[in-house]
C-alpha atoms as a PDB file:
ATOM      1  CA  MET A   1       4.974 -43.343  22.996  1.00  0.00           C
ATOM      2  CA  PHE A   2       6.210 -45.922  20.808  1.00  0.00           C
ATOM      3  CA  HIS A   3       6.303 -48.608  23.367  1.00  0.00           C
ATOM      4  CA  ILE A   4       2.609 -47.817  24.148  1.00  0.00           C
ATOM      5  CA  ALA A   5       1.820 -48.107  20.442  1.00  0.00           C
ATOM      6  CA  VAL A   6       3.607 -51.191  19.839  1.00  0.00           C
ATOM      7  CA  ILE A   7       1.839 -52.962  23.021  1.00  0.00           C
ATOM      8  CA  VAL A   8      -1.456 -51.855  21.886  1.00  0.00           C
ATOM      9  CA  LEU A   9      -0.917 -52.797  18.007  1.00  0.00           C
ATOM     10  CA  ILE A  10       0.119 -56.208  19.613  1.00  0.00           C
ATOM     11  CA  VAL A  11      -2.855 -56.461  21.625  1.00  0.00           C
ATOM     12  CA  LEU A  12      -5.168 -55.333  19.260  1.00  0.00           C
ATOM     13  CA  SER A  13      -3.722 -57.676  16.857  1.00  0.00           C
ATOM     14  CA  SER A  14      -4.076 -60.741  18.980  1.00  0.00           C
ATOM     15  CA  LEU A  15      -7.827 -59.711  19.625  1.00  0.00           C
ATOM     16  CA  LYS A  16      -8.407 -59.773  15.937  1.00  0.00           C
ATOM     17  CA  TRP A  17      -6.505 -63.130  14.881  1.00  0.00           C
ATOM     18  CA  GLY A  18      -5.534 -64.637  18.027  1.00  0.00           C
ATOM     19  CA  SER A  19      -7.386 -67.580  19.375  1.00  0.00           C
ATOM     20  CA  TRP A  20      -8.468 -66.549  22.997  1.00  0.00           C
ATOM     21  CA  SER A  21     -10.857 -69.645  23.221  1.00  0.00           C
ATOM     22  CA  ARG A  22      -7.512 -71.571  23.620  1.00  0.00           C
ATOM     23  CA  TRP A  23      -5.504 -69.161  25.925  1.00  0.00           C
ATOM     24  CA  ARG A  24      -5.727 -72.152  28.544  1.00  0.00           C
ATOM     25  CA  GLU A  25      -3.353 -74.130  26.284  1.00  0.00           C
ATOM     26  CA  PHE A  26      -1.172 -71.471  25.854  1.00  0.00           C
ATOM     27  CA  LEU A  27      -0.825 -70.453  29.570  1.00  0.00           C
ATOM     28  CA  PRO A  28       2.093 -72.662  30.170  1.00  0.00           C
ATOM     29  CA  THR A  29       4.118 -70.983  27.138  1.00  0.00           C
ATOM     30  CA  ILE A  30       2.980 -67.742  27.880  1.00  0.00           C
ATOM     31  CA  TYR A  31       4.738 -68.055  31.608  1.00  0.00           C
ATOM     32  CA  TYR A  32       7.859 -69.630  30.017  1.00  0.00           C
ATOM     33  CA  PHE A  33       8.337 -66.371  27.771  1.00  0.00           C
ATOM     34  CA  SER A  34       7.310 -63.985  30.756  1.00  0.00           C
ATOM     35  CA  PHE A  35       9.711 -65.874  33.216  1.00  0.00           C
ATOM     36  CA  PHE A  36      12.883 -65.645  30.658  1.00  0.00           C
ATOM     37  CA  ASN A  37      11.841 -61.562  30.119  1.00  0.00           C
ATOM     38  CA  MET A  38      11.550 -61.029  33.711  1.00  0.00           C
ATOM     39  CA  PHE A  39      14.807 -62.793  34.237  1.00  0.00           C
ATOM     40  CA  TYR A  40      16.856 -60.722  31.476  1.00  0.00           C
ATOM     41  CA  GLN A  41      14.911 -57.770  33.399  1.00  0.00           C
ATOM     42  CA  TYR A  42      16.518 -59.138  36.947  1.00  0.00           C
ATOM     43  CA  LEU A  43      20.017 -59.271  35.160  1.00  0.00           C
ATOM     44  CA  SER A  44      20.046 -55.962  33.464  1.00  0.00           C
ATOM     45  CA  TYR A  45      19.084 -54.531  36.898  1.00  0.00           C
ATOM     46  CA  THR A  46      21.230 -56.466  39.133  1.00  0.00           C
ATOM     47  CA  VAL A  47      24.564 -57.053  37.041  1.00  0.00           C
ATOM     48  CA  LYS A  48      23.992 -55.283  33.694  1.00  0.00           C
ATOM     49  CA  ALA A  49      22.181 -54.442  30.801  1.00  0.00           C
ATOM     50  CA  VAL A  50      22.761 -55.165  26.860  1.00  0.00           C
ATOM     51  CA  TRP A  51      19.308 -53.183  25.911  1.00  0.00           C
ATOM     52  CA  GLU A  52      17.359 -50.994  27.704  1.00  0.00           C
ATOM     53  CA  LEU A  53      14.204 -49.163  26.737  1.00  0.00           C
ATOM     54  CA  ASP A  54      14.118 -45.740  26.221  1.00  0.00           C
ATOM     55  CA  GLY A  55      11.195 -43.174  25.948  1.00  0.00           C
ATOM     56  CA  PHE A  56       9.038 -44.940  28.682  1.00  0.00           C
ATOM     57  CA  PHE A  57       5.633 -44.700  29.500  1.00  0.00           C
ATOM     58  CA  VAL A  58       5.897 -43.346  33.078  1.00  0.00           C
ATOM     59  CA  ASN A  59       8.819 -45.117  33.617  1.00  0.00           C
ATOM     60  CA  MET A  60      10.955 -48.320  32.942  1.00  0.00           C
ATOM     61  CA  PHE A  61       9.200 -50.576  35.209  1.00  0.00           C
ATOM     62  CA  VAL A  62       5.685 -49.808  34.016  1.00  0.00           C
ATOM     63  CA  THR A  63       6.540 -49.964  30.434  1.00  0.00           C
ATOM     64  CA  ASP A  64       8.942 -53.221  30.837  1.00  0.00           C
ATOM     65  CA  THR A  65       5.679 -54.709  33.241  1.00  0.00           C
ATOM     66  CA  LEU A  66       3.335 -53.723  30.546  1.00  0.00           C
ATOM     67  CA  TYR A  67       5.414 -55.915  27.724  1.00  0.00           C
ATOM     68  CA  THR A  68       5.868 -58.757  29.927  1.00  0.00           C
ATOM     69  CA  MET A  69       2.430 -59.180  31.315  1.00  0.00           C
ATOM     70  CA  VAL A  70       0.202 -57.731  28.241  1.00  0.00           C
ATOM     71  CA  ALA A  71       2.161 -57.380  25.035  1.00  0.00           C
ATOM     72  CA  TYR A  72       4.194 -60.833  24.964  1.00  0.00           C
ATOM     73  CA  PRO A  73       0.893 -63.223  26.567  1.00  0.00           C
ATOM     74  CA  CYS A  74      -0.825 -61.592  23.770  1.00  0.00           C
ATOM     75  CA  LEU A  75       2.077 -62.248  21.400  1.00  0.00           C
ATOM     76  CA  VAL A  76       2.132 -66.076  22.177  1.00  0.00           C
ATOM     77  CA  ILE A  77      -1.432 -66.405  21.829  1.00  0.00           C
ATOM     78  CA  LEU A  78      -1.012 -64.655  18.040  1.00  0.00           C
ATOM     79  CA  PHE A  79       1.859 -66.569  17.376  1.00  0.00           C
ATOM     80  CA  LEU A  80       0.808 -70.275  18.286  1.00  0.00           C
ATOM     81  CA  SER A  81      -2.604 -69.687  17.378  1.00  0.00           C
ATOM     82  CA  HIS A  82      -2.376 -70.464  13.850  1.00  0.00           C
ATOM     83  CA  TYR A  83       0.637 -72.148  13.493  1.00  0.00           C
ATOM     84  CA  PRO A  84       0.902 -74.170  10.171  1.00  0.00           C
ATOM     85  CA  GLU A  85       1.569 -77.868   9.614  1.00  0.00           C
ATOM     86  CA  GLU A  86       3.403 -77.842   6.427  1.00  0.00           C
ATOM     87  CA  TRP A  87       7.363 -77.052   6.497  1.00  0.00           C
ATOM     88  CA  ARG A  88       7.513 -74.629   3.815  1.00  0.00           C
ATOM     89  CA  ILE A  89       4.459 -72.725   5.434  1.00  0.00           C
ATOM     90  CA  LYS A  90       6.370 -72.661   8.946  1.00  0.00           C
ATOM     91  CA  ILE A  91       9.528 -71.026   7.294  1.00  0.00           C
ATOM     92  CA  VAL A  92       7.409 -68.151   6.110  1.00  0.00           C
ATOM     93  CA  TYR A  93       5.609 -68.242   9.485  1.00  0.00           C
ATOM     94  CA  TYR A  94       9.014 -67.766  11.303  1.00  0.00           C
ATOM     95  CA  LEU A  95      10.103 -65.202   8.453  1.00  0.00           C
ATOM     96  CA  LYS A  96       7.001 -63.147   9.006  1.00  0.00           C
ATOM     97  CA  TYR A  97       7.404 -62.851  12.791  1.00  0.00           C
ATOM     98  CA  ILE A  98      11.239 -62.432  12.907  1.00  0.00           C
ATOM     99  CA  GLY A  99      10.963 -59.851  10.407  1.00  0.00           C
ATOM    100  CA  VAL A 100       8.200 -57.853  12.242  1.00  0.00           C
ATOM    101  CA  ALA A 101       9.970 -58.120  15.463  1.00  0.00           C
ATOM    102  CA  THR A 102      12.833 -57.063  13.743  1.00  0.00           C
ATOM    103  CA  LEU A 103      11.384 -54.362  11.888  1.00  0.00           C
ATOM    104  CA  THR A 104       9.660 -52.995  15.234  1.00  0.00           C
ATOM    105  CA  GLU A 105      12.825 -52.602  16.850  1.00  0.00           C
ATOM    106  CA  TRP A 106      14.742 -51.162  14.329  1.00  0.00           C
ATOM    107  CA  ALA A 107      12.064 -48.606  14.612  1.00  0.00           C
ATOM    108  CA  ALA A 108      12.775 -48.278  18.357  1.00  0.00           C
ATOM    109  CA  GLY A 109      16.287 -47.672  17.415  1.00  0.00           C
ATOM    110  CA  LYS A 110      15.205 -45.309  14.822  1.00  0.00           C
ATOM    111  CA  THR A 111      13.050 -43.580  17.418  1.00  0.00           C
ATOM    112  CA  ASP A 112      15.431 -43.782  20.072  1.00  0.00           C
ATOM    113  CA  SER A 113      13.082 -45.728  22.192  1.00  0.00           C
ATOM    114  CA  ILE A 114      15.868 -48.597  22.906  1.00  0.00           C
ATOM    115  CA  GLU A 115      19.421 -48.332  23.530  1.00  0.00           C
ATOM    116  CA  TYR A 116      22.296 -51.171  23.052  1.00  0.00           C
ATOM    117  CA  PHE A 117      25.208 -51.904  25.833  1.00  0.00           C
ATOM    118  CA  GLU A 118      28.119 -54.126  25.976  1.00  0.00           C
ATOM    119  CA  GLY A 119      28.328 -54.958  21.673  1.00  0.00           C
ATOM    120  CA  TRP A 120      24.720 -56.081  21.593  1.00  0.00           C
ATOM    121  CA  ASN A 121      23.048 -54.664  18.471  1.00  0.00           C
ATOM    122  CA  LEU A 122      20.422 -55.328  15.888  1.00  0.00           C
ATOM    123  CA  TRP A 123      22.313 -58.248  14.691  1.00  0.00           C
ATOM    124  CA  TRP A 124      22.162 -60.301  18.026  1.00  0.00           C
ATOM    125  CA  THR A 125      18.437 -59.268  18.192  1.00  0.00           C
ATOM    126  CA  ILE A 126      17.940 -61.185  14.896  1.00  0.00           C
ATOM    127  CA  LEU A 127      19.736 -63.783  16.073  1.00  0.00           C
ATOM    128  CA  PHE A 128      17.760 -64.009  19.523  1.00  0.00           C
ATOM    129  CA  TYR A 129      14.311 -63.609  17.295  1.00  0.00           C
ATOM    130  CA  CYS A 130      15.563 -66.688  15.241  1.00  0.00           C
ATOM    131  CA  ILE A 131      15.865 -68.520  18.453  1.00  0.00           C
ATOM    132  CA  MET A 132      13.093 -67.206  20.434  1.00  0.00           C
ATOM    133  CA  PHE A 133       9.959 -67.868  18.076  1.00  0.00           C
ATOM    134  CA  PRO A 134      11.292 -71.703  17.452  1.00  0.00           C
ATOM    135  CA  MET A 135      11.636 -71.880  21.226  1.00  0.00           C
ATOM    136  CA  LEU A 136       8.203 -70.772  21.799  1.00  0.00           C
ATOM    137  CA  ARG A 137       6.923 -73.368  19.584  1.00  0.00           C
ATOM    138  CA  LEU A 138       9.048 -76.010  21.260  1.00  0.00           C
ATOM    139  CA  HIS A 139       7.802 -75.051  24.610  1.00  0.00           C
ATOM    140  CA  TYR A 140       4.307 -75.561  23.611  1.00  0.00           C
ATOM    141  CA  LEU A 141       4.796 -79.004  22.313  1.00  0.00           C
ATOM    142  CA  ASN A 142       7.908 -80.219  24.891  1.00  0.00           C
ATOM    143  CA  PRO A 143       8.278 -77.933  27.614  1.00  0.00           C
ATOM    144  CA  ILE A 144      11.268 -79.916  29.570  1.00  0.00           C
ATOM    145  CA  LYS A 145      13.038 -79.989  25.675  1.00  0.00           C
ATOM    146  CA  ALA A 146      12.431 -76.193  25.828  1.00  0.00           C
ATOM    147  CA  PHE A 147      13.781 -75.475  29.394  1.00  0.00           C
ATOM    148  CA  ILE A 148      17.249 -77.602  28.466  1.00  0.00           C
ATOM    149  CA  ALA A 149      17.415 -75.908  25.386  1.00  0.00           C
ATOM    150  CA  SER A 150      16.806 -72.381  27.099  1.00  0.00           C
ATOM    151  CA  ILE A 151      19.617 -73.382  29.439  1.00  0.00           C
ATOM    152  CA  PHE A 152      22.035 -73.698  26.734  1.00  0.00           C
ATOM    153  CA  VAL A 153      20.540 -70.437  24.963  1.00  0.00           C
ATOM    154  CA  VAL A 154      20.892 -68.696  28.279  1.00  0.00           C
ATOM    155  CA  THR A 155      24.573 -69.680  29.223  1.00  0.00           C
ATOM    156  CA  PHE A 156      25.731 -68.957  25.423  1.00  0.00           C
ATOM    157  CA  LEU A 157      24.524 -65.470  25.869  1.00  0.00           C
ATOM    158  CA  LEU A 158      25.740 -65.075  29.184  1.00  0.00           C
ATOM    159  CA  ILE A 159      29.159 -65.681  28.067  1.00  0.00           C
ATOM    160  CA  SER A 160      28.860 -63.778  24.954  1.00  0.00           C
ATOM    161  CA  PHE A 161      28.134 -60.937  26.771  1.00  0.00           C
ATOM    162  CA  ASP A 162      30.681 -61.563  29.989  1.00  0.00           C
ATOM    163  CA  TYR A 163      28.240 -61.800  32.686  1.00  0.00           C
ATOM    164  CA  HIS A 164      29.776 -62.946  35.770  1.00  0.00           C
ATOM    165  CA  VAL A 165      26.969 -64.722  36.919  1.00  0.00           C
ATOM    166  CA  LEU A 166      28.263 -68.117  36.413  1.00  0.00           C
END
């Protein structure tokens, strides 16, 4: 039930604070986020996983699909809706999102709702979130630069965790 609670909380937060009138503006970034999540899911099912959700809602496929198709689009809308312009506020904004995401994953670990493999741990997750949120903003501003940067990030992670796909 942990994952359903997280998904519902993200959806409700986005409905309350997200700028849903701008959803079309955010759609390419939603696709970008969902694509890379599905890419990881494909690798985790066909090669190996570095993390995997436990405590599913129905089963792993349904849980992953709900995150990809419902929660993550809402998260993108919520994150991009009120992105600040002043650089000091941007830092606080990133820290808030990274902190909440990290705290959520920490809670998932404490409730046995996520399992790590191959050396992945909460520190890798924090690093990932420190990359993910700025990449969402970069994609919103410049999709080409975000895709190029994503190739480097994905390559780094594939090498770091010894995926034999390159």
